């Protein structure tokens, strides 16, 4: 959690890969640990920074690929 907090404080982009199938809340509205969720971009931008599978990491339209391209 410290790493996420430092990245947010320094204005660095954050990306989250989650392959854990366990539920973290009683609602699908928050699919992540709430502490991580608060450090992620909000609304539609969240989907661009949130990865659910290894295959999705290389998706050209997602934020990590855009960031890597500069």
Protein backbone atom coordinates (compact mmCIF):
# COMPACT_ATOMS: atom_id res chain seq x y z
CA UNK A 1 0.00 0.00 0.00
CA UNK A 2 2.91 2.35 0.64
CA UNK A 3 4.02 2.04 -2.97
CA UNK A 4 0.55 3.05 -4.23
CA UNK A 5 0.43 6.00 -1.85
CA UNK A 6 3.87 7.21 -2.95
CA UNK A 7 2.96 6.91 -6.63
CA UNK A 8 -0.23 8.91 -6.13
CA UNK A 9 1.58 11.54 -4.03
CA UNK A 10 4.26 11.93 -6.72
CA UNK A 11 1.67 12.14 -9.52
CA UNK A 12 2.84 8.88 -11.11
CA UNK A 13 0.43 6.75 -13.13
CA UNK A 14 -0.87 3.66 -11.37
CA UNK A 15 -1.93 0.35 -12.92
CA UNK A 16 -3.53 -2.59 -11.19
CA UNK A 17 -3.41 -6.23 -12.24
CA UNK A 18 -5.84 -8.36 -10.27
CA UNK A 19 -6.05 -12.09 -10.92
CA UNK A 20 -7.53 -12.96 -7.53
CA UNK A 21 -11.03 -14.36 -8.03
CA UNK A 22 -12.07 -13.85 -4.40
CA UNK A 23 -14.67 -11.23 -3.62
CA UNK A 24 -13.42 -8.21 -1.68
CA UNK A 25 -16.79 -6.56 -1.05
CA UNK A 26 -20.49 -7.32 -1.01
CA UNK A 27 -20.91 -5.29 -4.19
CA UNK A 28 -19.49 -5.53 -7.71
CA UNK A 29 -19.26 -1.72 -7.75
CA UNK A 30 -15.92 -2.00 -5.92
CA UNK A 31 -14.04 -4.98 -7.42
CA UNK A 32 -10.79 -4.00 -5.69
CA UNK A 33 -9.49 -3.63 -2.19
CA UNK A 34 -10.85 -0.23 -1.16
CA UNK A 35 -7.40 1.10 -0.20
CA UNK A 36 -6.16 0.32 -3.71
CA UNK A 37 -9.36 1.61 -5.27
CA UNK A 38 -8.85 5.08 -3.80
CA UNK A 39 -5.45 5.37 -5.49
CA UNK A 40 -6.75 4.45 -8.92
CA UNK A 41 -8.19 6.84 -11.51
CA UNK A 42 -11.94 7.24 -11.11
CA UNK A 43 -14.94 6.45 -13.34
CA UNK A 44 -14.25 5.49 -16.96
CA UNK A 45 -10.48 5.95 -16.57
CA UNK A 46 -10.42 3.12 -14.01
CA UNK A 47 -11.18 0.55 -16.72
CA UNK A 48 -8.11 1.70 -18.64
CA UNK A 49 -5.83 1.16 -15.62
CA UNK A 50 -7.38 -2.05 -14.23
CA UNK A 51 -6.31 -5.43 -15.65
CA UNK A 52 -8.17 -8.68 -15.02
CA UNK A 53 -6.02 -11.10 -17.06
CA UNK A 54 -2.45 -11.51 -18.28
CA UNK A 55 -3.69 -11.18 -21.86
CA UNK A 56 -5.23 -7.81 -21.08
CA UNK A 57 -1.87 -6.34 -19.98
CA UNK A 58 -0.71 -6.02 -23.60
CA UNK A 59 -3.93 -4.42 -24.85
CA UNK A 60 -2.94 -1.41 -26.96
CA UNK A 61 -5.97 0.63 -25.91
CA UNK A 62 -5.28 0.26 -22.17
CA UNK A 63 -3.29 2.76 -20.07
CA UNK A 64 -0.12 0.70 -19.52
CA UNK A 65 0.54 0.33 -23.26
CA UNK A 66 -0.19 4.02 -23.83
CA UNK A 67 2.19 4.97 -21.01
CA UNK A 68 4.92 2.63 -22.34
CA UNK A 69 4.66 4.19 -25.81
CA UNK A 70 5.20 7.61 -24.24
